[in-house]
Every structure is written in C-alpha cells, then in structure tokens.
Amino acid sequence: MSKVTLRRASRDDRAVLRALHRALYIDHHGSIVPSSVAPLLEYRDFERVLRDDIDGLIEHPNAVVLVAERERHVLGYITGHIEEEPERRMPRRGVVEDWYVEPDARGERTGAALLAALEAIFREASCDLIESATWSFNEGALRAHEALGFEAYQVRFRKPLR
C-alpha cells in the first residue's frame, strides 16, 4: 500500500471537501446520531450550509484545512482555526472543527496524522492548547480523542422548546 501524504487544501479541493463534509454530516451522523437528537441538528438548506462552510474555511485567514491523500485520492480531512481570548492565562488556542476519514481508510492512523499536522500548525502559531469537540454518543471519536491525549472538560446540553 502506498504512503499517505498530507497537504493544505486549496480552492481546487472544494468539490472533494464538500463530498467528505457531506459524508461526515449526513452519512456518518446518520449512523451514530440517535433519532431523538437528529431534529436538533437539522438545517433548512443543508447543501448550501455545507458549501458555504467549506468555502468559508478555505478562504478564512485563521482557518486551516488539511487533506490526507493516497495516490491522488483524498482519504480524509481536518479543519481548524485559531481563537484568542487575551484575558485568559492561556489566551491562544487551536480549535479542531471537522475531522473525518473515509471508513475504508480508518485504522491506518490517517486521522492521527491529520491531527498531528494540525497540532504542529497550531504550535507554530504559538497556540497554548488545542480543543476539539464531539458528540457524547460518538464512541469512536471519544476513543480517538482519548487515545490522542485529549481529556474531556465540558458537557453542553440542548433542549428543544417546541
């Protein structure tokens, strides 16, 4: 099997990134999101949201979008951005937004390599820490985060009013 390479995404990657974004937010979420929670995550025009999200990340100066590929086939991606809160003791943090590897490429450390590359970019940008979030019911992502040195520190709650 040939080597996986990592690189920054460009505008030329928009179509493949939208496809991976759709796989993350539709296919993958559909397989793990409980039916009672699904309505809380829905959008009115999801295709537009996906398109705008990827386009915004590629264009935003504080955002990072990396792709992993093998033989010119993109296997996964990770996105993140830098946030600053000068009043905090650790004011600069890198935030992981989306992190997805195609099911056939999982278990090969592609996700870990994407995260390591994003961490290196955040370190180079003088970030004090890295944050990431996942759904409480996403057991695979919870295990991956723990295996890569993350620890949980906050729980968010959501309740529909209708």
N, C-alpha and C. Protein backbone atom coordinates (compact mmCIF):
# COMPACT_ATOMS: atom_id res chain seq x y z
N MET A 1 0.85 -1.17 0.00
CA MET A 1 0.00 0.00 0.00
C MET A 1 0.90 1.24 0.00
N SER A 2 0.55 2.22 -0.81
CA SER A 2 1.39 3.41 -0.92
C SER A 2 1.15 4.34 0.27
N LYS A 3 2.07 5.25 0.44
CA LYS A 3 2.09 6.16 1.57
C LYS A 3 0.99 7.22 1.48
N VAL A 4 0.47 7.59 2.64
CA VAL A 4 -0.50 8.69 2.74
C VAL A 4 0.28 9.98 2.87
N THR A 5 -0.09 10.99 2.10
CA THR A 5 0.54 12.31 2.22
C THR A 5 -0.48 13.31 2.71
N LEU A 6 0.01 14.31 3.40
CA LEU A 6 -0.83 15.37 3.95
C LEU A 6 -0.45 16.68 3.28
N ARG A 7 -1.47 17.53 3.07
CA ARG A 7 -1.20 18.85 2.50
C ARG A 7 -2.35 19.78 2.85
N ARG A 8 -2.06 21.07 2.71
CA ARG A 8 -3.12 22.07 2.88
C ARG A 8 -4.07 22.00 1.70
N ALA A 9 -5.34 22.13 1.97
CA ALA A 9 -6.34 22.13 0.91
C ALA A 9 -6.31 23.47 0.18
N SER A 10 -6.72 23.44 -1.07
CA SER A 10 -6.81 24.66 -1.86
C SER A 10 -8.23 24.77 -2.44
N ARG A 11 -8.45 25.86 -3.13
CA ARG A 11 -9.76 26.06 -3.77
C ARG A 11 -10.07 24.90 -4.73
N ASP A 12 -9.05 24.30 -5.31
CA ASP A 12 -9.25 23.18 -6.24
C ASP A 12 -9.83 21.95 -5.54
N ASP A 13 -9.76 21.89 -4.22
CA ASP A 13 -10.25 20.75 -3.45
C ASP A 13 -11.70 20.91 -2.99
N ARG A 14 -12.32 22.02 -3.36
CA ARG A 14 -13.67 22.30 -2.83
C ARG A 14 -14.66 21.16 -3.08
N ALA A 15 -14.69 20.60 -4.28
CA ALA A 15 -15.67 19.55 -4.58
C ALA A 15 -15.45 18.31 -3.72
N VAL A 16 -14.21 17.86 -3.61
CA VAL A 16 -13.94 16.66 -2.81
C VAL A 16 -14.18 16.95 -1.32
N LEU A 17 -13.86 18.16 -0.87
CA LEU A 17 -14.11 18.51 0.53
C LEU A 17 -15.60 18.56 0.83
N ARG A 18 -16.39 19.08 -0.10
CA ARG A 18 -17.84 19.09 0.09
C ARG A 18 -18.37 17.65 0.18
N ALA A 19 -17.83 16.77 -0.64
CA ALA A 19 -18.25 15.36 -0.59
C ALA A 19 -17.90 14.73 0.75
N LEU A 20 -16.70 14.99 1.25
CA LEU A 20 -16.30 14.46 2.56
C LEU A 20 -17.11 15.11 3.67
N HIS A 21 -17.37 16.39 3.55
CA HIS A 21 -18.18 17.11 4.54
C HIS A 21 -19.59 16.52 4.58
N ARG A 22 -20.14 16.23 3.40
CA ARG A 22 -21.47 15.61 3.31
C ARG A 22 -21.42 14.22 3.95
N ALA A 23 -20.36 13.46 3.67
CA ALA A 23 -20.23 12.13 4.27
C ALA A 23 -20.18 12.21 5.79
N LEU A 24 -19.47 13.20 6.31
CA LEU A 24 -19.40 13.39 7.76
C LEU A 24 -20.76 13.77 8.34
N TYR A 25 -21.38 14.78 7.76
CA TYR A 25 -22.59 15.34 8.35
C TYR A 25 -23.89 14.64 7.95
N ILE A 26 -23.85 13.78 6.94
CA ILE A 26 -25.06 13.06 6.57
C ILE A 26 -24.87 11.56 6.81
N ASP A 27 -23.93 10.96 6.11
CA ASP A 27 -23.75 9.50 6.23
C ASP A 27 -23.30 9.09 7.63
N HIS A 28 -22.20 9.69 8.09
CA HIS A 28 -21.66 9.31 9.39
C HIS A 28 -22.62 9.69 10.52
N HIS A 29 -23.09 10.93 10.50
CA HIS A 29 -24.04 11.34 11.54
C HIS A 29 -25.27 10.46 11.53
N GLY A 30 -25.73 10.10 10.33
CA GLY A 30 -26.90 9.24 10.23
C GLY A 30 -26.70 7.89 10.88
N SER A 31 -25.46 7.44 10.93
CA SER A 31 -25.18 6.13 11.53
C SER A 31 -24.97 6.19 13.04
N ILE A 32 -24.73 7.37 13.59
CA ILE A 32 -24.44 7.44 15.04
C ILE A 32 -25.41 8.32 15.83
N VAL A 33 -26.11 9.23 15.16
CA VAL A 33 -26.98 10.17 15.88
C VAL A 33 -28.30 9.48 16.24
N PRO A 34 -28.65 9.45 17.51
CA PRO A 34 -29.94 8.87 17.90
C PRO A 34 -31.09 9.65 17.27
N SER A 35 -32.15 8.95 16.92
CA SER A 35 -33.29 9.61 16.25
C SER A 35 -33.89 10.73 17.10
N SER A 36 -33.80 10.63 18.41
CA SER A 36 -34.34 11.68 19.28
C SER A 36 -33.52 12.97 19.21
N VAL A 37 -32.25 12.85 18.81
CA VAL A 37 -31.36 14.01 18.73
C VAL A 37 -31.34 14.61 17.32
N ALA A 38 -31.60 13.81 16.31
CA ALA A 38 -31.48 14.24 14.92
C ALA A 38 -32.16 15.58 14.61
N PRO A 39 -33.39 15.82 15.07
CA PRO A 39 -34.03 17.11 14.75
C PRO A 39 -33.29 18.32 15.31
N LEU A 40 -32.52 18.13 16.36
CA LEU A 40 -31.77 19.24 16.95
C LEU A 40 -30.58 19.64 16.09
N LEU A 41 -30.20 18.80 15.15
CA LEU A 41 -29.01 19.04 14.34
C LEU A 41 -29.34 19.43 12.90
N GLU A 42 -30.60 19.45 12.54
CA GLU A 42 -31.00 19.67 11.15
C GLU A 42 -30.92 21.13 10.73
N TYR A 43 -30.65 21.34 9.43
CA TYR A 43 -30.62 22.66 8.80
C TYR A 43 -31.71 22.72 7.74
N ARG A 44 -32.11 23.94 7.39
CA ARG A 44 -33.14 24.11 6.35
C ARG A 44 -32.59 23.82 4.96
N ASP A 45 -31.45 24.37 4.60
CA ASP A 45 -30.85 24.17 3.29
C ASP A 45 -29.44 23.63 3.51
N PHE A 46 -29.37 22.34 3.79
CA PHE A 46 -28.11 21.74 4.22
C PHE A 46 -27.04 21.79 3.15
N GLU A 47 -27.41 21.62 1.89
CA GLU A 47 -26.41 21.68 0.82
C GLU A 47 -25.74 23.06 0.77
N ARG A 48 -26.52 24.12 0.96
CA ARG A 48 -25.95 25.46 0.98
C ARG A 48 -25.03 25.62 2.19
N VAL A 49 -25.45 25.11 3.33
CA VAL A 49 -24.64 25.19 4.54
C VAL A 49 -23.30 24.48 4.34
N LEU A 50 -23.34 23.28 3.76
CA LEU A 50 -22.11 22.54 3.50
C LEU A 50 -21.19 23.32 2.57
N ARG A 51 -21.76 23.85 1.49
CA ARG A 51 -20.97 24.61 0.51
C ARG A 51 -20.37 25.85 1.15
N ASP A 52 -21.19 26.61 1.86
CA ASP A 52 -20.71 27.84 2.50
C ASP A 52 -19.66 27.55 3.56
N ASP A 53 -19.84 26.46 4.28
CA ASP A 53 -18.89 26.08 5.33
C ASP A 53 -17.51 25.80 4.74
N ILE A 54 -17.46 24.96 3.72
CA ILE A 54 -16.17 24.62 3.09
C ILE A 54 -15.56 25.86 2.43
N ASP A 55 -16.35 26.61 1.68
CA ASP A 55 -15.82 27.81 1.02
C ASP A 55 -15.27 28.80 2.05
N GLY A 56 -15.99 28.97 3.16
CA GLY A 56 -15.55 29.89 4.20
C GLY A 56 -14.27 29.43 4.86
N LEU A 57 -14.14 28.14 5.10
CA LEU A 57 -12.92 27.63 5.72
C LEU A 57 -11.72 27.78 4.80
N ILE A 58 -11.90 27.51 3.52
CA ILE A 58 -10.77 27.63 2.59
C ILE A 58 -10.32 29.08 2.46
N GLU A 59 -11.25 30.01 2.54
CA GLU A 59 -10.93 31.43 2.35
C GLU A 59 -10.50 32.15 3.62
N HIS A 60 -10.89 31.65 4.78
CA HIS A 60 -10.65 32.38 6.04
C HIS A 60 -9.17 32.37 6.42
N PRO A 61 -8.60 33.54 6.76
CA PRO A 61 -7.17 33.60 7.07
C PRO A 61 -6.76 32.86 8.35
N ASN A 62 -7.67 32.68 9.32
CA ASN A 62 -7.33 31.97 10.55
C ASN A 62 -7.70 30.50 10.52
N ALA A 63 -8.24 30.04 9.41
CA ALA A 63 -8.66 28.64 9.31
C ALA A 63 -7.57 27.81 8.64
N VAL A 64 -7.56 26.54 8.99
CA VAL A 64 -6.64 25.58 8.40
C VAL A 64 -7.48 24.41 7.90
N VAL A 65 -7.25 24.00 6.68
CA VAL A 65 -7.90 22.81 6.12
C VAL A 65 -6.80 21.94 5.54
N LEU A 66 -6.68 20.74 6.08
CA LEU A 66 -5.68 19.78 5.62
C LEU A 66 -6.38 18.56 5.05
N VAL A 67 -5.77 17.96 4.04
CA VAL A 67 -6.30 16.73 3.47
C VAL A 67 -5.21 15.65 3.52
N ALA A 68 -5.68 14.42 3.63
CA ALA A 68 -4.80 13.24 3.55
C ALA A 68 -5.15 12.54 2.25
N GLU A 69 -4.12 12.19 1.49
CA GLU A 69 -4.40 11.52 0.22
C GLU A 69 -3.40 10.42 -0.04
N ARG A 70 -3.85 9.47 -0.83
CA ARG A 70 -3.00 8.37 -1.29
C ARG A 70 -3.25 8.24 -2.78
N GLU A 71 -2.18 8.32 -3.54
CA GLU A 71 -2.27 8.21 -5.00
C GLU A 71 -3.34 9.15 -5.57
N ARG A 72 -3.31 10.41 -5.11
CA ARG A 72 -4.20 11.48 -5.58
C ARG A 72 -5.67 11.30 -5.18
N HIS A 73 -5.94 10.32 -4.32
CA HIS A 73 -7.31 10.12 -3.81
C HIS A 73 -7.36 10.64 -2.38
N VAL A 74 -8.22 11.60 -2.12
CA VAL A 74 -8.35 12.17 -0.78
C VAL A 74 -9.09 11.18 0.11
N LEU A 75 -8.45 10.85 1.24
CA LEU A 75 -8.98 9.86 2.18
C LEU A 75 -9.68 10.50 3.37
N GLY A 76 -9.33 11.76 3.66
CA GLY A 76 -9.90 12.41 4.82
C GLY A 76 -9.43 13.84 4.91
N TYR A 77 -9.98 14.54 5.89
CA TYR A 77 -9.62 15.93 6.10
C TYR A 77 -9.80 16.32 7.55
N ILE A 78 -9.19 17.44 7.89
CA ILE A 78 -9.36 18.03 9.21
C ILE A 78 -9.38 19.54 9.02
N THR A 79 -10.23 20.20 9.79
CA THR A 79 -10.29 21.65 9.73
C THR A 79 -10.14 22.21 11.13
N GLY A 80 -9.64 23.41 11.21
CA GLY A 80 -9.49 24.06 12.49
C GLY A 80 -9.25 25.54 12.31
N HIS A 81 -9.27 26.24 13.42
CA HIS A 81 -9.00 27.67 13.40
C HIS A 81 -8.37 28.08 14.73
N ILE A 82 -7.88 29.30 14.77
CA ILE A 82 -7.23 29.83 15.97
C ILE A 82 -8.16 30.87 16.60
N GLU A 83 -8.30 30.78 17.91
CA GLU A 83 -9.09 31.75 18.67
C GLU A 83 -8.20 32.38 19.72
N GLU A 84 -8.49 33.64 20.02
CA GLU A 84 -7.73 34.35 21.05
C GLU A 84 -8.68 34.98 22.06
N GLU A 85 -8.34 34.83 23.33
CA GLU A 85 -9.02 35.49 24.42
C GLU A 85 -7.93 36.06 25.33
N PRO A 86 -7.50 37.31 25.07
CA PRO A 86 -6.35 37.88 25.78
C PRO A 86 -6.47 37.87 27.31
N GLU A 87 -7.69 37.86 27.85
CA GLU A 87 -7.85 37.90 29.30
C GLU A 87 -7.57 36.55 29.97
N ARG A 88 -7.45 35.50 29.20
CA ARG A 88 -7.18 34.18 29.77
C ARG A 88 -5.68 33.97 30.01
N ARG A 89 -5.37 33.09 30.93
CA ARG A 89 -3.97 32.74 31.21
C ARG A 89 -3.34 32.02 30.02
N MET A 90 -4.14 31.22 29.33
CA MET A 90 -3.71 30.55 28.10
C MET A 90 -4.56 31.15 26.97
N PRO A 91 -4.14 32.29 26.43
CA PRO A 91 -5.02 33.08 25.57
C PRO A 91 -5.20 32.59 24.14
N ARG A 92 -4.31 31.81 23.64
CA ARG A 92 -4.38 31.45 22.21
C ARG A 92 -4.58 29.95 22.09
N ARG A 93 -5.67 29.56 21.42
CA ARG A 93 -5.94 28.13 21.29
C ARG A 93 -6.30 27.76 19.86
N GLY A 94 -5.90 26.57 19.49
CA GLY A 94 -6.28 25.99 18.22
C GLY A 94 -7.53 25.15 18.45
N VAL A 95 -8.50 25.31 17.57
CA VAL A 95 -9.77 24.60 17.72
C VAL A 95 -9.96 23.67 16.51
N VAL A 96 -10.11 22.38 16.79
CA VAL A 96 -10.42 21.42 15.74
C VAL A 96 -11.91 21.54 15.45
N GLU A 97 -12.26 21.67 14.20
CA GLU A 97 -13.67 21.78 13.84
C GLU A 97 -14.19 20.45 13.30
N ASP A 98 -13.78 20.09 12.09
CA ASP A 98 -14.24 18.85 11.47
C ASP A 98 -13.05 17.94 11.24
N TRP A 99 -13.29 16.65 11.43
CA TRP A 99 -12.21 15.67 11.33
C TRP A 99 -12.84 14.38 10.84
N TYR A 100 -12.51 13.98 9.63
CA TYR A 100 -13.18 12.84 9.03
C TYR A 100 -12.21 12.06 8.15
N VAL A 101 -12.28 10.74 8.26
CA VAL A 101 -11.52 9.84 7.41
C VAL A 101 -12.51 8.83 6.84
N GLU A 102 -12.39 8.56 5.55
CA GLU A 102 -13.28 7.59 4.92
C GLU A 102 -13.23 6.26 5.65
N PRO A 103 -14.36 5.58 5.78
CA PRO A 103 -14.39 4.31 6.53
C PRO A 103 -13.34 3.29 6.08
N ASP A 104 -13.10 3.17 4.77
CA ASP A 104 -12.12 2.19 4.28
C ASP A 104 -10.69 2.53 4.68
N ALA A 105 -10.43 3.78 5.04
CA ALA A 105 -9.07 4.20 5.39
C ALA A 105 -8.86 4.31 6.90
N ARG A 106 -9.87 4.00 7.67
CA ARG A 106 -9.74 4.08 9.14
C ARG A 106 -8.89 2.93 9.65
N GLY A 107 -8.28 3.14 10.79
CA GLY A 107 -7.43 2.12 11.39
C GLY A 107 -6.01 2.14 10.84
N GLU A 108 -5.70 3.09 9.98
CA GLU A 108 -4.36 3.20 9.39
C GLU A 108 -3.60 4.41 9.93
N ARG A 109 -4.14 5.06 10.96
CA ARG A 109 -3.55 6.23 11.62
C ARG A 109 -3.61 7.49 10.75
N THR A 110 -4.47 7.49 9.74
CA THR A 110 -4.64 8.67 8.90
C THR A 110 -5.21 9.82 9.71
N GLY A 111 -6.20 9.54 10.54
CA GLY A 111 -6.79 10.58 11.39
C GLY A 111 -5.77 11.14 12.37
N ALA A 112 -4.96 10.27 12.95
CA ALA A 112 -3.92 10.71 13.88
C ALA A 112 -2.89 11.58 13.17
N ALA A 113 -2.55 11.22 11.94
CA ALA A 113 -1.59 12.02 11.17
C ALA A 113 -2.17 13.40 10.85
N LEU A 114 -3.45 13.45 10.49
CA LEU A 114 -4.09 14.75 10.23
C LEU A 114 -4.07 15.62 11.48
N LEU A 115 -4.42 15.03 12.63
CA LEU A 115 -4.42 15.80 13.87
C LEU A 115 -3.02 16.26 14.23
N ALA A 116 -2.02 15.40 14.07
CA ALA A 116 -0.64 15.79 14.39
C ALA A 116 -0.19 16.96 13.52
N ALA A 117 -0.56 16.94 12.26
CA ALA A 117 -0.18 18.04 11.36
C ALA A 117 -0.89 19.34 11.77
N LEU A 118 -2.14 19.24 12.16
CA LEU A 118 -2.87 20.44 12.61
C LEU A 118 -2.27 20.95 13.92
N GLU A 119 -1.93 20.04 14.82
CA GLU A 119 -1.28 20.44 16.08
C GLU A 119 0.02 21.18 15.80
N ALA A 120 0.80 20.71 14.86
CA ALA A 120 2.08 21.36 14.52
C ALA A 120 1.83 22.78 14.02
N ILE A 121 0.80 22.97 13.23
CA ILE A 121 0.47 24.31 12.74
C ILE A 121 0.05 25.20 13.90
N PHE A 122 -0.74 24.67 14.81
CA PHE A 122 -1.16 25.45 15.98
C PHE A 122 0.04 25.79 16.87
N ARG A 123 0.96 24.86 17.05
CA ARG A 123 2.17 25.14 17.85
C ARG A 123 2.98 26.25 17.20
N GLU A 124 3.17 26.15 15.90
CA GLU A 124 3.93 27.16 15.15
C GLU A 124 3.27 28.54 15.26
N ALA A 125 1.94 28.56 15.42
CA ALA A 125 1.21 29.81 15.56
C ALA A 125 1.14 30.26 17.03
N SER A 126 1.94 29.64 17.89
CA SER A 126 2.03 29.97 19.31
C SER A 126 0.73 29.74 20.09
N CYS A 127 -0.01 28.73 19.71
CA CYS A 127 -1.20 28.37 20.48
C CYS A 127 -0.77 27.70 21.78
N ASP A 128 -1.54 27.95 22.82
CA ASP A 128 -1.24 27.38 24.13
C ASP A 128 -1.86 26.00 24.33
N LEU A 129 -2.94 25.74 23.62
CA LEU A 129 -3.62 24.46 23.75
C LEU A 129 -4.44 24.20 22.50
N ILE A 130 -4.95 22.98 22.41
CA ILE A 130 -5.82 22.59 21.31
C ILE A 130 -7.11 22.03 21.90
N GLU A 131 -8.22 22.43 21.32
CA GLU A 131 -9.53 21.96 21.76
C GLU A 131 -10.23 21.26 20.61
N SER A 132 -11.05 20.30 20.97
CA SER A 132 -11.85 19.59 19.99
C SER A 132 -13.14 19.17 20.68
N ALA A 133 -14.18 19.00 19.91
CA ALA A 133 -15.46 18.57 20.47
C ALA A 133 -16.02 17.45 19.62
N THR A 134 -16.82 16.61 20.25
CA THR A 134 -17.55 15.58 19.53
C THR A 134 -18.84 15.31 20.27
N TRP A 135 -19.71 14.57 19.64
CA TRP A 135 -20.99 14.23 20.27
C TRP A 135 -20.75 13.22 21.39
N SER A 136 -21.51 13.32 22.45
CA SER A 136 -21.35 12.41 23.59
C SER A 136 -21.64 10.97 23.21
N PHE A 137 -22.39 10.74 22.15
CA PHE A 137 -22.74 9.39 21.72
C PHE A 137 -21.81 8.86 20.62
N ASN A 138 -20.81 9.64 20.21
CA ASN A 138 -19.89 9.21 19.16
C ASN A 138 -18.73 8.47 19.81
N GLU A 139 -18.95 7.20 20.10
CA GLU A 139 -17.98 6.40 20.85
C GLU A 139 -16.63 6.29 20.14
N GLY A 140 -16.64 6.17 18.82
CA GLY A 140 -15.38 6.08 18.08
C GLY A 140 -14.56 7.35 18.23
N ALA A 141 -15.20 8.49 18.11
CA ALA A 141 -14.49 9.76 18.26
C ALA A 141 -14.02 9.97 19.70
N LEU A 142 -14.83 9.55 20.66
CA LEU A 142 -14.41 9.67 22.06
C LEU A 142 -13.14 8.85 22.30
N ARG A 143 -13.12 7.62 21.81
CA ARG A 143 -11.93 6.77 21.98
C ARG A 143 -10.73 7.38 21.26
N ALA A 144 -10.95 7.91 20.04
CA ALA A 144 -9.84 8.51 19.28
C ALA A 144 -9.26 9.70 20.02
N HIS A 145 -10.11 10.57 20.54
CA HIS A 145 -9.63 11.74 21.27
C HIS A 145 -8.81 11.32 22.50
N GLU A 146 -9.33 10.39 23.27
CA GLU A 146 -8.63 9.93 24.46
C GLU A 146 -7.28 9.30 24.10
N ALA A 147 -7.26 8.50 23.04
CA ALA A 147 -6.02 7.84 22.61
C ALA A 147 -4.97 8.86 22.16
N LEU A 148 -5.43 10.02 21.71
CA LEU A 148 -4.51 11.05 21.21
C LEU A 148 -4.22 12.13 22.25
N GLY A 149 -4.55 11.87 23.52
CA GLY A 149 -4.14 12.74 24.60
C GLY A 149 -5.13 13.81 25.03
N PHE A 150 -6.33 13.81 24.48
CA PHE A 150 -7.34 14.79 24.90
C PHE A 150 -8.02 14.32 26.18
N GLU A 151 -8.51 15.26 26.94
CA GLU A 151 -9.34 14.92 28.10
C GLU A 151 -10.59 15.80 28.06
N ALA A 152 -11.71 15.19 28.42
CA ALA A 152 -12.99 15.92 28.42
C ALA A 152 -13.00 16.91 29.58
N TYR A 153 -13.57 18.09 29.34
CA TYR A 153 -13.64 19.08 30.42
C TYR A 153 -14.97 19.83 30.45
N GLN A 154 -15.83 19.64 29.47
CA GLN A 154 -17.08 20.38 29.43
C GLN A 154 -18.16 19.52 28.77
N VAL A 155 -19.38 19.66 29.22
CA VAL A 155 -20.52 19.00 28.61
C VAL A 155 -21.54 20.08 28.28
N ARG A 156 -22.06 20.06 27.05
CA ARG A 156 -23.09 21.01 26.64
C ARG A 156 -24.43 20.29 26.58
N PHE A 157 -25.48 20.99 26.95
CA PHE A 157 -26.81 20.43 26.90
C PHE A 157 -27.67 21.21 25.93
N ARG A 158 -28.64 20.54 25.32
CA ARG A 158 -29.55 21.18 24.38
C ARG A 158 -30.94 20.60 24.62
N LYS A 159 -31.92 21.51 24.58
CA LYS A 159 -33.31 21.07 24.83
C LYS A 159 -34.23 21.85 23.90
N PRO A 160 -35.02 21.16 23.09
CA PRO A 160 -35.95 21.88 22.23
C PRO A 160 -37.09 22.48 23.06
N LEU A 161 -37.58 23.63 22.65
CA LEU A 161 -38.67 24.28 23.37
C LEU A 161 -40.02 24.09 22.67
N ARG A 162 -40.03 23.42 21.55
CA ARG A 162 -41.30 23.12 20.88
C ARG A 162 -41.52 21.64 20.81
